[in-house]
PDB file of N, CA and C in Angstrom:
ATOM      1  N   MET A   1       0.856  -1.173   0.000  1.00  0.00           N
ATOM      2  CA  MET A   1       0.000   0.000   0.000  1.00  0.00           C
ATOM      3  C   MET A   1       0.896   1.227   0.000  1.00  0.00           C
ATOM      4  N   SER A   2       0.906   1.980  -1.049  1.00  0.00           N
ATOM      5  CA  SER A   2       1.745   3.172  -1.086  1.00  0.00           C
ATOM      6  C   SER A   2       0.881   4.417  -1.215  1.00  0.00           C
ATOM      7  N   GLY A   3       1.219   5.402  -0.397  1.00  0.00           N
ATOM      8  CA  GLY A   3       0.518   6.662  -0.468  1.00  0.00           C
ATOM      9  C   GLY A   3      -0.848   6.657   0.199  1.00  0.00           C
ATOM     10  N   GLY A   4      -1.310   5.509   0.684  1.00  0.00           N
ATOM     11  CA  GLY A   4      -2.645   5.432   1.247  1.00  0.00           C
ATOM     12  C   GLY A   4      -2.672   5.414   2.757  1.00  0.00           C
ATOM     13  N   GLY A   5      -1.570   5.662   3.412  1.00  0.00           N
ATOM     14  CA  GLY A   5      -1.549   5.660   4.860  1.00  0.00           C
ATOM     15  C   GLY A   5      -0.836   4.436   5.413  1.00  0.00           C
ATOM     16  N   VAL A   6      -1.081   4.179   6.664  1.00  0.00           N
ATOM     17  CA  VAL A   6      -0.415   3.105   7.385  1.00  0.00           C
ATOM     18  C   VAL A   6      -1.175   1.797   7.163  1.00  0.00           C
ATOM     19  N   THR A   7      -0.430   0.720   6.906  1.00  0.00           N
ATOM     20  CA  THR A   7      -1.085  -0.576   6.728  1.00  0.00           C
ATOM     21  C   THR A   7      -1.506  -1.145   8.074  1.00  0.00           C
ATOM     22  N   ARG A   8      -2.462  -2.046   8.036  1.00  0.00           N
ATOM     23  CA  ARG A   8      -2.971  -2.653   9.270  1.00  0.00           C
ATOM     24  C   ARG A   8      -1.903  -3.385  10.067  1.00  0.00           C
ATOM     25  N   PRO A   9      -1.001  -4.166   9.429  1.00  0.00           N
ATOM     26  CA  PRO A   9       0.029  -4.836  10.233  1.00  0.00           C
ATOM     27  C   PRO A   9       0.923  -3.858  10.992  1.00  0.00           C
ATOM     28  N   THR A  10       1.270  -2.752  10.360  1.00  0.00           N
ATOM     29  CA  THR A  10       2.118  -1.760  11.025  1.00  0.00           C
ATOM     30  C   THR A  10       1.381  -1.131  12.199  1.00  0.00           C
ATOM     31  N   LEU A  11       0.129  -0.765  11.986  1.00  0.00           N
ATOM     32  CA  LEU A  11      -0.672  -0.183  13.058  1.00  0.00           C
ATOM     33  C   LEU A  11      -0.887  -1.183  14.191  1.00  0.00           C
ATOM     34  N   ALA A  12      -1.177  -2.424  13.843  1.00  0.00           N
ATOM     35  CA  ALA A  12      -1.400  -3.463  14.859  1.00  0.00           C
ATOM     36  C   ALA A  12      -0.147  -3.708  15.686  1.00  0.00           C
ATOM     37  N   LEU A  13       1.005  -3.699  15.045  1.00  0.00           N
ATOM     38  CA  LEU A  13       2.265  -3.914  15.747  1.00  0.00           C
ATOM     39  C   LEU A  13       2.543  -2.786  16.740  1.00  0.00           C
ATOM     40  N   GLY A  14       2.342  -1.557  16.314  1.00  0.00           N
ATOM     41  CA  GLY A  14       2.544  -0.412  17.200  1.00  0.00           C
ATOM     42  C   GLY A  14       1.572  -0.401  18.369  1.00  0.00           C
ATOM     43  N   LEU A  15       0.306  -0.683  18.083  1.00  0.00           N
ATOM     44  CA  LEU A  15      -0.692  -0.721  19.158  1.00  0.00           C
ATOM     45  C   LEU A  15      -0.445  -1.880  20.111  1.00  0.00           C
ATOM     46  N   ALA A  16      -0.009  -3.022  19.588  1.00  0.00           N
ATOM     47  CA  ALA A  16       0.305  -4.166  20.446  1.00  0.00           C
ATOM     48  C   ALA A  16       1.465  -3.834  21.378  1.00  0.00           C
ATOM     49  N   ALA A  17       2.474  -3.135  20.858  1.00  0.00           N
ATOM     50  CA  ALA A  17       3.609  -2.733  21.694  1.00  0.00           C
ATOM     51  C   ALA A  17       3.156  -1.821  22.820  1.00  0.00           C
ATOM     52  N   LEU A  18       2.304  -0.877  22.501  1.00  0.00           N
ATOM     53  CA  LEU A  18       1.792   0.043  23.511  1.00  0.00           C
ATOM     54  C   LEU A  18       0.956  -0.699  24.556  1.00  0.00           C
ATOM     55  N   ALA A  19       0.018  -1.505  24.091  1.00  0.00           N
ATOM     56  CA  ALA A  19      -0.881  -2.213  25.012  1.00  0.00           C
ATOM     57  C   ALA A  19      -0.138  -3.217  25.886  1.00  0.00           C
ATOM     58  N   LEU A  20       0.761  -3.997  25.295  1.00  0.00           N
ATOM     59  CA  LEU A  20       1.480  -4.994  26.082  1.00  0.00           C
ATOM     60  C   LEU A  20       2.496  -4.362  27.030  1.00  0.00           C
ATOM     61  N   SER A  21       3.071  -3.227  26.648  1.00  0.00           N
ATOM     62  CA  SER A  21       3.972  -2.522  27.570  1.00  0.00           C
ATOM     63  C   SER A  21       3.208  -2.075  28.811  1.00  0.00           C
ATOM     64  N   VAL A  22       2.055  -1.474  28.599  1.00  0.00           N
ATOM     65  CA  VAL A  22       1.231  -1.023  29.730  1.00  0.00           C
ATOM     66  C   VAL A  22       0.775  -2.221  30.564  1.00  0.00           C
ATOM     67  N   ALA A  23       0.329  -3.285  29.892  1.00  0.00           N
ATOM     68  CA  ALA A  23      -0.142  -4.477  30.611  1.00  0.00           C
ATOM     69  C   ALA A  23       0.982  -5.103  31.433  1.00  0.00           C
ATOM     70  N   THR A  24       2.186  -5.113  30.905  1.00  0.00           N
ATOM     71  CA  THR A  24       3.321  -5.667  31.629  1.00  0.00           C
ATOM     72  C   THR A  24       3.640  -4.822  32.856  1.00  0.00           C
ATOM     73  N   LEU A  25       3.548  -3.503  32.714  1.00  0.00           N
ATOM     74  CA  LEU A  25       3.892  -2.608  33.820  1.00  0.00           C
ATOM     75  C   LEU A  25       2.848  -2.592  34.928  1.00  0.00           C
ATOM     76  N   ILE A  26       1.558  -2.717  34.571  1.00  0.00           N
ATOM     77  CA  ILE A  26       0.533  -2.657  35.618  1.00  0.00           C
ATOM     78  C   ILE A  26       0.393  -3.973  36.357  1.00  0.00           C
ATOM     79  N   GLY A  27       0.927  -5.009  35.795  1.00  0.00           N
ATOM     80  CA  GLY A  27       0.922  -6.301  36.460  1.00  0.00           C
ATOM     81  C   GLY A  27      -0.188  -7.193  35.956  1.00  0.00           C
ATOM     82  N   LEU A  28       0.176  -8.392  35.660  1.00  0.00           N
ATOM     83  CA  LEU A  28      -0.731  -9.433  35.204  1.00  0.00           C
ATOM     84  C   LEU A  28      -0.418 -10.677  36.019  1.00  0.00           C
ATOM     85  N   PRO A  29      -1.274 -11.676  35.952  1.00  0.00           N
ATOM     86  CA  PRO A  29      -0.877 -12.949  36.559  1.00  0.00           C
ATOM     87  C   PRO A  29       0.451 -13.411  35.946  1.00  0.00           C
ATOM     88  N   THR A  30       1.266 -14.064  36.730  1.00  0.00           N
ATOM     89  CA  THR A  30       2.638 -14.395  36.337  1.00  0.00           C
ATOM     90  C   THR A  30       2.770 -15.040  34.964  1.00  0.00           C
ATOM     91  N   PRO A  31       1.987 -16.063  34.614  1.00  0.00           N
ATOM     92  CA  PRO A  31       2.168 -16.652  33.281  1.00  0.00           C
ATOM     93  C   PRO A  31       1.875 -15.657  32.149  1.00  0.00           C
ATOM     94  N   LEU A  32       0.835 -14.848  32.322  1.00  0.00           N
ATOM     95  CA  LEU A  32       0.503 -13.855  31.295  1.00  0.00           C
ATOM     96  C   LEU A  32       1.558 -12.765  31.219  1.00  0.00           C
ATOM     97  N   GLN A  33       2.100 -12.383  32.370  1.00  0.00           N
ATOM     98  CA  GLN A  33       3.127 -11.350  32.383  1.00  0.00           C
ATOM     99  C   GLN A  33       4.392 -11.843  31.681  1.00  0.00           C
ATOM    100  N   ALA A  34       4.717 -13.110  31.825  1.00  0.00           N
ATOM    101  CA  ALA A  34       5.889 -13.669  31.145  1.00  0.00           C
ATOM    102  C   ALA A  34       5.703 -13.636  29.625  1.00  0.00           C
ATOM    103  N   VAL A  35       4.508 -13.980  29.172  1.00  0.00           N
ATOM    104  CA  VAL A  35       4.226 -13.954  27.728  1.00  0.00           C
ATOM    105  C   VAL A  35       4.260 -12.516  27.203  1.00  0.00           C
ATOM    106  N   ALA A  36       3.632 -11.597  27.929  1.00  0.00           N
ATOM    107  CA  ALA A  36       3.608 -10.197  27.506  1.00  0.00           C
ATOM    108  C   ALA A  36       5.018  -9.606  27.494  1.00  0.00           C
ATOM    109  N   ALA A  37       5.811  -9.929  28.520  1.00  0.00           N
ATOM    110  CA  ALA A  37       7.176  -9.404  28.582  1.00  0.00           C
ATOM    111  C   ALA A  37       8.022  -9.944  27.434  1.00  0.00           C
ATOM    112  N   THR A  38       7.878 -11.228  27.124  1.00  0.00           N
ATOM    113  CA  THR A  38       8.626 -11.799  26.002  1.00  0.00           C
ATOM    114  C   THR A  38       8.251 -11.110  24.696  1.00  0.00           C
ATOM    115  N   ALA A  39       6.972 -10.855  24.526  1.00  0.00           N
ATOM    116  CA  ALA A  39       6.519 -10.180  23.306  1.00  0.00           C
ATOM    117  C   ALA A  39       7.094  -8.775  23.225  1.00  0.00           C
ATOM    118  N   VAL A  40       7.000  -8.016  24.316  1.00  0.00           N
ATOM    119  CA  VAL A  40       7.455  -6.623  24.303  1.00  0.00           C
ATOM    120  C   VAL A  40       8.972  -6.526  24.223  1.00  0.00           C
ATOM    121  N   LEU A  41       9.670  -7.430  24.889  1.00  0.00           N
ATOM    122  CA  LEU A  41      11.122  -7.313  24.963  1.00  0.00           C
ATOM    123  C   LEU A  41      11.862  -7.929  23.778  1.00  0.00           C
ATOM    124  N   VAL A  42      11.264  -8.897  23.090  1.00  0.00           N
ATOM    125  CA  VAL A  42      11.987  -9.563  22.005  1.00  0.00           C
ATOM    126  C   VAL A  42      11.197  -9.582  20.695  1.00  0.00           C
ATOM    127  N   LEU A  43      10.004 -10.138  20.726  1.00  0.00           N
ATOM    128  CA  LEU A  43       9.288 -10.411  19.478  1.00  0.00           C
ATOM    129  C   LEU A  43       8.796  -9.161  18.752  1.00  0.00           C
ATOM    130  N   LEU A  44       8.140  -8.263  19.462  1.00  0.00           N
ATOM    131  CA  LEU A  44       7.596  -7.070  18.790  1.00  0.00           C
ATOM    132  C   LEU A  44       8.684  -6.146  18.240  1.00  0.00           C
ATOM    133  N   PRO A  45       9.743  -5.842  19.025  1.00  0.00           N
ATOM    134  CA  PRO A  45      10.797  -5.005  18.435  1.00  0.00           C
ATOM    135  C   PRO A  45      11.481  -5.694  17.253  1.00  0.00           C
ATOM    136  N   GLY A  46      11.715  -6.993  17.385  1.00  0.00           N
ATOM    137  CA  GLY A  46      12.340  -7.730  16.295  1.00  0.00           C
ATOM    138  C   GLY A  46      11.484  -7.713  15.042  1.00  0.00           C
ATOM    139  N   GLN A  47      10.180  -7.923  15.199  1.00  0.00           N
ATOM    140  CA  GLN A  47       9.273  -7.906  14.054  1.00  0.00           C
ATOM    141  C   GLN A  47       9.213  -6.516  13.431  1.00  0.00           C
ATOM    142  N   ALA A  48       9.135  -5.494  14.260  1.00  0.00           N
ATOM    143  CA  ALA A  48       9.062  -4.124  13.740  1.00  0.00           C
ATOM    144  C   ALA A  48      10.323  -3.769  12.945  1.00  0.00           C
ATOM    145  N   MET A  49      11.489  -4.178  13.455  1.00  0.00           N
ATOM    146  CA  MET A  49      12.728  -3.860  12.743  1.00  0.00           C
ATOM    147  C   MET A  49      12.922  -4.747  11.518  1.00  0.00           C
ATOM    148  N   ALA A  50      12.504  -6.006  11.598  1.00  0.00           N
ATOM    149  CA  ALA A  50      12.623  -6.905  10.443  1.00  0.00           C
ATOM    150  C   ALA A  50      11.760  -6.407   9.285  1.00  0.00           C
ATOM    151  N   ARG A  51      10.636  -5.776   9.596  1.00  0.00           N
ATOM    152  CA  ARG A  51       9.769  -5.251   8.541  1.00  0.00           C
ATOM    153  C   ARG A  51      10.402  -4.064   7.804  1.00  0.00           C
ATOM    154  N   LEU A  52      11.449  -3.495   8.359  1.00  0.00           N
ATOM    155  CA  LEU A  52      12.158  -2.398   7.694  1.00  0.00           C
ATOM    156  C   LEU A  52      13.103  -2.911   6.609  1.00  0.00           C
ATOM    157  N   THR A  53      13.362  -4.208   6.600  1.00  0.00           N
ATOM    158  CA  THR A  53      14.258  -4.794   5.606  1.00  0.00           C
ATOM    159  C   THR A  53      13.461  -5.275   4.398  1.00  0.00           C
ATOM    160  N   GLN A  54      14.167  -5.700   3.380  1.00  0.00           N
ATOM    161  CA  GLN A  54      13.534  -6.196   2.158  1.00  0.00           C
ATOM    162  C   GLN A  54      13.511  -7.723   2.115  1.00  0.00           C
ATOM    163  N   VAL A  55      13.696  -8.374   3.259  1.00  0.00           N
ATOM    164  CA  VAL A  55      13.740  -9.836   3.313  1.00  0.00           C
ATOM    165  C   VAL A  55      12.344 -10.394   3.060  1.00  0.00           C
ATOM    166  N   THR A  56      12.234 -11.333   2.108  1.00  0.00           N
ATOM    167  CA  THR A  56      10.939 -11.933   1.793  1.00  0.00           C
ATOM    168  C   THR A  56      10.867 -13.411   2.163  1.00  0.00           C
ATOM    169  N   ASP A  57      11.997 -14.053   2.403  1.00  0.00           N
ATOM    170  CA  ASP A  57      12.027 -15.458   2.782  1.00  0.00           C
ATOM    171  C   ASP A  57      11.497 -15.613   4.209  1.00  0.00           C
ATOM    172  N   LEU A  58      10.509 -16.500   4.390  1.00  0.00           N
ATOM    173  CA  LEU A  58       9.840 -16.654   5.684  1.00  0.00           C
ATOM    174  C   LEU A  58      10.787 -17.137   6.776  1.00  0.00           C
ATOM    175  N   ALA A  59      11.616 -18.138   6.479  1.00  0.00           N
ATOM    176  CA  ALA A  59      12.534 -18.671   7.485  1.00  0.00           C
ATOM    177  C   ALA A  59      13.577 -17.626   7.886  1.00  0.00           C
ATOM    178  N   LEU A  60      14.123 -16.936   6.919  1.00  0.00           N
ATOM    179  CA  LEU A  60      15.106 -15.892   7.202  1.00  0.00           C
ATOM    180  C   LEU A  60      14.465 -14.745   7.979  1.00  0.00           C
ATOM    181  N   SER A  61      13.242 -14.422   7.639  1.00  0.00           N
ATOM    182  CA  SER A  61      12.524 -13.362   8.340  1.00  0.00           C
ATOM    183  C   SER A  61      12.295 -13.736   9.804  1.00  0.00           C
ATOM    184  N   ALA A  62      11.915 -14.978  10.071  1.00  0.00           N
ATOM    185  CA  ALA A  62      11.702 -15.429  11.450  1.00  0.00           C
ATOM    186  C   ALA A  62      13.005 -15.376  12.250  1.00  0.00           C
ATOM    187  N   LEU A  63      14.090 -15.796  11.623  1.00  0.00           N
ATOM    188  CA  LEU A  63      15.390 -15.726  12.277  1.00  0.00           C
ATOM    189  C   LEU A  63      15.793 -14.283  12.534  1.00  0.00           C
ATOM    190  N   LEU A  64      15.499 -13.419  11.588  1.00  0.00           N
ATOM    191  CA  LEU A  64      15.818 -11.995  11.716  1.00  0.00           C
ATOM    192  C   LEU A  64      15.034 -11.357  12.864  1.00  0.00           C
ATOM    193  N   VAL A  65      13.766 -11.747  13.030  1.00  0.00           N
ATOM    194  CA  VAL A  65      12.954 -11.225  14.138  1.00  0.00           C
ATOM    195  C   VAL A  65      13.624 -11.543  15.468  1.00  0.00           C
ATOM    196  N   LEU A  66      14.009 -12.803  15.664  1.00  0.00           N
ATOM    197  CA  LEU A  66      14.661 -13.187  16.923  1.00  0.00           C
ATOM    198  C   LEU A  66      16.014 -12.517  17.099  1.00  0.00           C
ATOM    199  N   ALA A  67      16.811 -12.496  16.042  1.00  0.00           N
ATOM    200  CA  ALA A  67      18.148 -11.910  16.139  1.00  0.00           C
ATOM    201  C   ALA A  67      18.089 -10.415  16.436  1.00  0.00           C
ATOM    202  N   LEU A  68      17.242  -9.691  15.719  1.00  0.00           N
ATOM    203  CA  LEU A  68      17.133  -8.244  15.943  1.00  0.00           C
ATOM    204  C   LEU A  68      16.551  -7.937  17.322  1.00  0.00           C
ATOM    205  N   GLY A  69      15.546  -8.706  17.726  1.00  0.00           N
ATOM    206  CA  GLY A  69      14.945  -8.487  19.038  1.00  0.00           C
ATOM    207  C   GLY A  69      15.928  -8.727  20.173  1.00  0.00           C
ATOM    208  N   LEU A  70      16.638  -9.849  20.114  1.00  0.00           N
ATOM    209  CA  LEU A  70      17.620 -10.157  21.165  1.00  0.00           C
ATOM    210  C   LEU A  70      18.804  -9.197  21.148  1.00  0.00           C
ATOM    211  N   ALA A  71      19.262  -8.820  19.955  1.00  0.00           N
ATOM    212  CA  ALA A  71      20.379  -7.875  19.862  1.00  0.00           C
ATOM    213  C   ALA A  71      20.002  -6.508  20.426  1.00  0.00           C
ATOM    214  N   THR A  72      18.804  -6.060  20.107  1.00  0.00           N
ATOM    215  CA  THR A  72      18.348  -4.760  20.616  1.00  0.00           C
ATOM    216  C   THR A  72      18.178  -4.802  22.131  1.00  0.00           C
ATOM    217  N   LEU A  73      17.577  -5.870  22.637  1.00  0.00           N
ATOM    218  CA  LEU A  73      17.406  -6.016  24.084  1.00  0.00           C
ATOM    219  C   LEU A  73      18.760  -6.050  24.785  1.00  0.00           C
ATOM    220  N   THR A  74      19.721  -6.739  24.210  1.00  0.00           N
ATOM    221  CA  THR A  74      21.065  -6.799  24.793  1.00  0.00           C
ATOM    222  C   THR A  74      21.711  -5.418  24.820  1.00  0.00           C
ATOM    223  N   ALA A  75      21.597  -4.693  23.716  1.00  0.00           N
ATOM    224  CA  ALA A  75      22.194  -3.353  23.647  1.00  0.00           C
ATOM    225  C   ALA A  75      21.535  -2.400  24.648  1.00  0.00           C
ATOM    226  N   VAL A  76      20.204  -2.418  24.700  1.00  0.00           N
ATOM    227  CA  VAL A  76      19.478  -1.532  25.621  1.00  0.00           C
ATOM    228  C   VAL A  76      19.835  -1.870  27.069  1.00  0.00           C
ATOM    229  N   SER A  77      19.824  -3.147  27.410  1.00  0.00           N
ATOM    230  CA  SER A  77      20.129  -3.561  28.783  1.00  0.00           C
ATOM    231  C   SER A  77      21.563  -3.213  29.169  1.00  0.00           C
ATOM    232  N   THR A  78      22.497  -3.411  28.236  1.00  0.00           N
ATOM    233  CA  THR A  78      23.898  -3.104  28.518  1.00  0.00           C
ATOM    234  C   THR A  78      24.103  -1.615  28.747  1.00  0.00           C
ATOM    235  N   VAL A  79      23.508  -0.793  27.901  1.00  0.00           N
ATOM    236  CA  VAL A  79      23.634   0.663  28.066  1.00  0.00           C
ATOM    237  C   VAL A  79      23.026   1.093  29.401  1.00  0.00           C
ATOM    238  N   MET A  80      21.853   0.579  29.722  1.00  0.00           N
ATOM    239  CA  MET A  80      21.221   0.934  31.002  1.00  0.00           C
ATOM    240  C   MET A  80      22.067   0.478  32.186  1.00  0.00           C
ATOM    241  N   PHE A  81      22.644  -0.703  32.071  1.00  0.00           N
ATOM    242  CA  PHE A  81      23.486  -1.225  33.143  1.00  0.00           C
ATOM    243  C   PHE A  81      24.700  -0.332  33.372  1.00  0.00           C
ATOM    244  N   TYR A  82      25.380   0.042  32.279  1.00  0.00           N
ATOM    245  CA  TYR A  82      26.574   0.873  32.411  1.00  0.00           C
ATOM    246  C   TYR A  82      26.253   2.294  32.861  1.00  0.00           C
ATOM    247  N   LEU A  83      25.057   2.768  32.558  1.00  0.00           N
ATOM    248  CA  LEU A  83      24.648   4.098  33.022  1.00  0.00           C
ATOM    249  C   LEU A  83      24.028   4.043  34.415  1.00  0.00           C
ATOM    250  N   VAL A  84      23.970   2.861  34.996  1.00  0.00           N
ATOM    251  CA  VAL A  84      23.421   2.597  36.325  1.00  0.00           C
ATOM    252  C   VAL A  84      21.971   3.081  36.419  1.00  0.00           C
ATOM    253  N   VAL A  85      21.207   2.818  35.377  1.00  0.00           N
ATOM    254  CA  VAL A  85      19.781   3.168  35.373  1.00  0.00           C
ATOM    255  C   VAL A  85      18.918   1.967  35.012  1.00  0.00           C
ATOM    256  N   TRP A  86      19.499   0.753  35.099  1.00  0.00           N
ATOM    257  CA  TRP A  86      18.756  -0.426  34.669  1.00  0.00           C
ATOM    258  C   TRP A  86      17.614  -0.728  35.626  1.00  0.00           C
ATOM    259  N   SER A  87      16.454  -0.950  35.059  1.00  0.00           N
ATOM    260  CA  SER A  87      15.315  -1.514  35.778  1.00  0.00           C
ATOM    261  C   SER A  87      14.470  -2.219  34.733  1.00  0.00           C
ATOM    262  N   TRP A  88      13.760  -3.242  35.134  1.00  0.00           N
ATOM    263  CA  TRP A  88      12.978  -3.975  34.140  1.00  0.00           C
ATOM    264  C   TRP A  88      11.872  -3.092  33.581  1.00  0.00           C
ATOM    265  N   GLN A  89      11.342  -2.160  34.391  1.00  0.00           N
ATOM    266  CA  GLN A  89      10.301  -1.265  33.891  1.00  0.00           C
ATOM    267  C   GLN A  89      10.849  -0.331  32.815  1.00  0.00           C
ATOM    268  N   ALA A  90      12.029   0.215  33.050  1.00  0.00           N
ATOM    269  CA  ALA A  90      12.647   1.100  32.058  1.00  0.00           C
ATOM    270  C   ALA A  90      12.978   0.330  30.781  1.00  0.00           C
ATOM    271  N   CYS A  91      13.373  -0.915  30.938  1.00  0.00           N
ATOM    272  CA  CYS A  91      13.682  -1.744  29.770  1.00  0.00           C
ATOM    273  C   CYS A  91      12.418  -2.008  28.956  1.00  0.00           C
ATOM    274  N   VAL A  92      11.298  -2.307  29.613  1.00  0.00           N
ATOM    275  CA  VAL A  92      10.028  -2.529  28.916  1.00  0.00           C
ATOM    276  C   VAL A  92       9.606  -1.264  28.166  1.00  0.00           C
ATOM    277  N   ILE A  93       9.696  -0.130  28.827  1.00  0.00           N
ATOM    278  CA  ILE A  93       9.306   1.136  28.200  1.00  0.00           C
ATOM    279  C   ILE A  93      10.203   1.440  27.005  1.00  0.00           C
ATOM    280  N   THR A  94      11.497   1.246  27.157  1.00  0.00           N
ATOM    281  CA  THR A  94      12.434   1.522  26.067  1.00  0.00           C
ATOM    282  C   THR A  94      12.191   0.612  24.872  1.00  0.00           C
ATOM    283  N   MET A  95      11.989  -0.671  25.122  1.00  0.00           N
ATOM    284  CA  MET A  95      11.757  -1.607  24.017  1.00  0.00           C
ATOM    285  C   MET A  95      10.409  -1.332  23.346  1.00  0.00           C
ATOM    286  N   GLY A  96       9.409  -0.946  24.124  1.00  0.00           N
ATOM    287  CA  GLY A  96       8.127  -0.548  23.535  1.00  0.00           C
ATOM    288  C   GLY A  96       8.288   0.682  22.661  1.00  0.00           C
ATOM    289  N   ALA A  97       9.081   1.643  23.135  1.00  0.00           N
ATOM    290  CA  ALA A  97       9.322   2.862  22.364  1.00  0.00           C
ATOM    291  C   ALA A  97      10.091   2.561  21.077  1.00  0.00           C
ATOM    292  N   ILE A  98      11.071   1.666  21.143  1.00  0.00           N
ATOM    293  CA  ILE A  98      11.826   1.276  19.952  1.00  0.00           C
ATOM    294  C   ILE A  98      10.889   0.630  18.932  1.00  0.00           C
ATOM    295  N   THR A  99       9.971  -0.204  19.412  1.00  0.00           N
ATOM    296  CA  THR A  99       9.009  -0.848  18.518  1.00  0.00           C
ATOM    297  C   THR A  99       8.137   0.195  17.824  1.00  0.00           C
ATOM    298  N   ILE A 100       7.634   1.142  18.595  1.00  0.00           N
ATOM    299  CA  ILE A 100       6.771   2.179  18.027  1.00  0.00           C
ATOM    300  C   ILE A 100       7.545   3.046  17.036  1.00  0.00           C
ATOM    301  N   LEU A 101       8.786   3.373  17.348  1.00  0.00           N
ATOM    302  CA  LEU A 101       9.610   4.159  16.413  1.00  0.00           C
ATOM    303  C   LEU A 101       9.882   3.389  15.120  1.00  0.00           C
ATOM    304  N   ALA A 102      10.115   2.077  15.232  1.00  0.00           N
ATOM    305  CA  ALA A 102      10.315   1.265  14.027  1.00  0.00           C
ATOM    306  C   ALA A 102       9.027   1.203  13.208  1.00  0.00           C
ATOM    307  N   CYS A 103       7.882   1.185  13.881  1.00  0.00           N
ATOM    308  CA  CYS A 103       6.599   1.202  13.163  1.00  0.00           C
ATOM    309  C   CYS A 103       6.392   2.528  12.441  1.00  0.00           C
ATOM    310  N   ILE A 104       6.803   3.611  13.073  1.00  0.00           N
ATOM    311  CA  ILE A 104       6.709   4.923  12.427  1.00  0.00           C
ATOM    312  C   ILE A 104       7.614   4.960  11.196  1.00  0.00           C
ATOM    313  N   ALA A 105       8.820   4.420  11.323  1.00  0.00           N
ATOM    314  CA  ALA A 105       9.732   4.367  10.176  1.00  0.00           C
ATOM    315  C   ALA A 105       9.139   3.517   9.062  1.00  0.00           C
ATOM    316  N   ARG A 106       8.505   2.401   9.412  1.00  0.00           N
ATOM    317  CA  ARG A 106       7.865   1.549   8.407  1.00  0.00           C
ATOM    318  C   ARG A 106       6.703   2.273   7.740  1.00  0.00           C
ATOM    319  N   ALA A 107       5.929   3.016   8.520  1.00  0.00           N
ATOM    320  CA  ALA A 107       4.806   3.782   7.959  1.00  0.00           C
ATOM    321  C   ALA A 107       5.316   4.821   6.951  1.00  0.00           C
ATOM    322  N   ARG A 108       6.458   5.406   7.241  1.00  0.00           N
ATOM    323  CA  ARG A 108       7.051   6.363   6.304  1.00  0.00           C
ATOM    324  C   ARG A 108       7.511   5.663   5.033  1.00  0.00           C
ATOM    325  N   GLN A 109       8.049   4.439   5.182  1.00  0.00           N
ATOM    326  CA  GLN A 109       8.422   3.660   3.996  1.00  0.00           C
ATOM    327  C   GLN A 109       7.193   3.347   3.146  1.00  0.00           C
ATOM    328  N   GLU A 110       6.108   2.979   3.823  1.00  0.00           N
ATOM    329  CA  GLU A 110       4.872   2.617   3.116  1.00  0.00           C
ATOM    330  C   GLU A 110       4.268   3.817   2.406  1.00  0.00           C
ATOM    331  N   ALA A 111       4.455   5.011   2.955  1.00  0.00           N
ATOM    332  CA  ALA A 111       3.888   6.214   2.373  1.00  0.00           C
ATOM    333  C   ALA A 111       4.690   6.716   1.184  1.00  0.00           C
ATOM    334  N   THR A 112       5.940   6.268   1.079  1.00  0.00           N
ATOM    335  CA  THR A 112       6.794   6.693  -0.024  1.00  0.00           C
ATOM    336  C   THR A 112       6.473   5.886  -1.270  1.00  0.00           C
ATOM    337  N   PRO A 113       6.191   6.584  -2.376  1.00  0.00           N
ATOM    338  CA  PRO A 113       5.837   5.857  -3.615  1.00  0.00           C
ATOM    339  C   PRO A 113       6.965   5.064  -4.192  1.00  0.00           C
TER     340      PRO A 113
END
């Protein structure tokens, strides 16, 4: 979709990042919180950044989602640790923000003819 606005997958990814970040922070039952945290900390940022690439192979794309998500989480956690500001809440917020920013970048790609 070019020139017609944001596609549904991009919007859904950004909204999911926002909703799951808030849900993780306000507290959920432990099993649900683990699933939400995994999504916010690894899967959603990885998916948002993988969508910025031109990769069309499904297996490579799945690997890219995990690799980008884990690499970003490692970088964010390391920087927070060295700046002595690490907390799991700050990490959730940062990874949610990275996901939303990647969705905005993807929306700009989609809007470009």
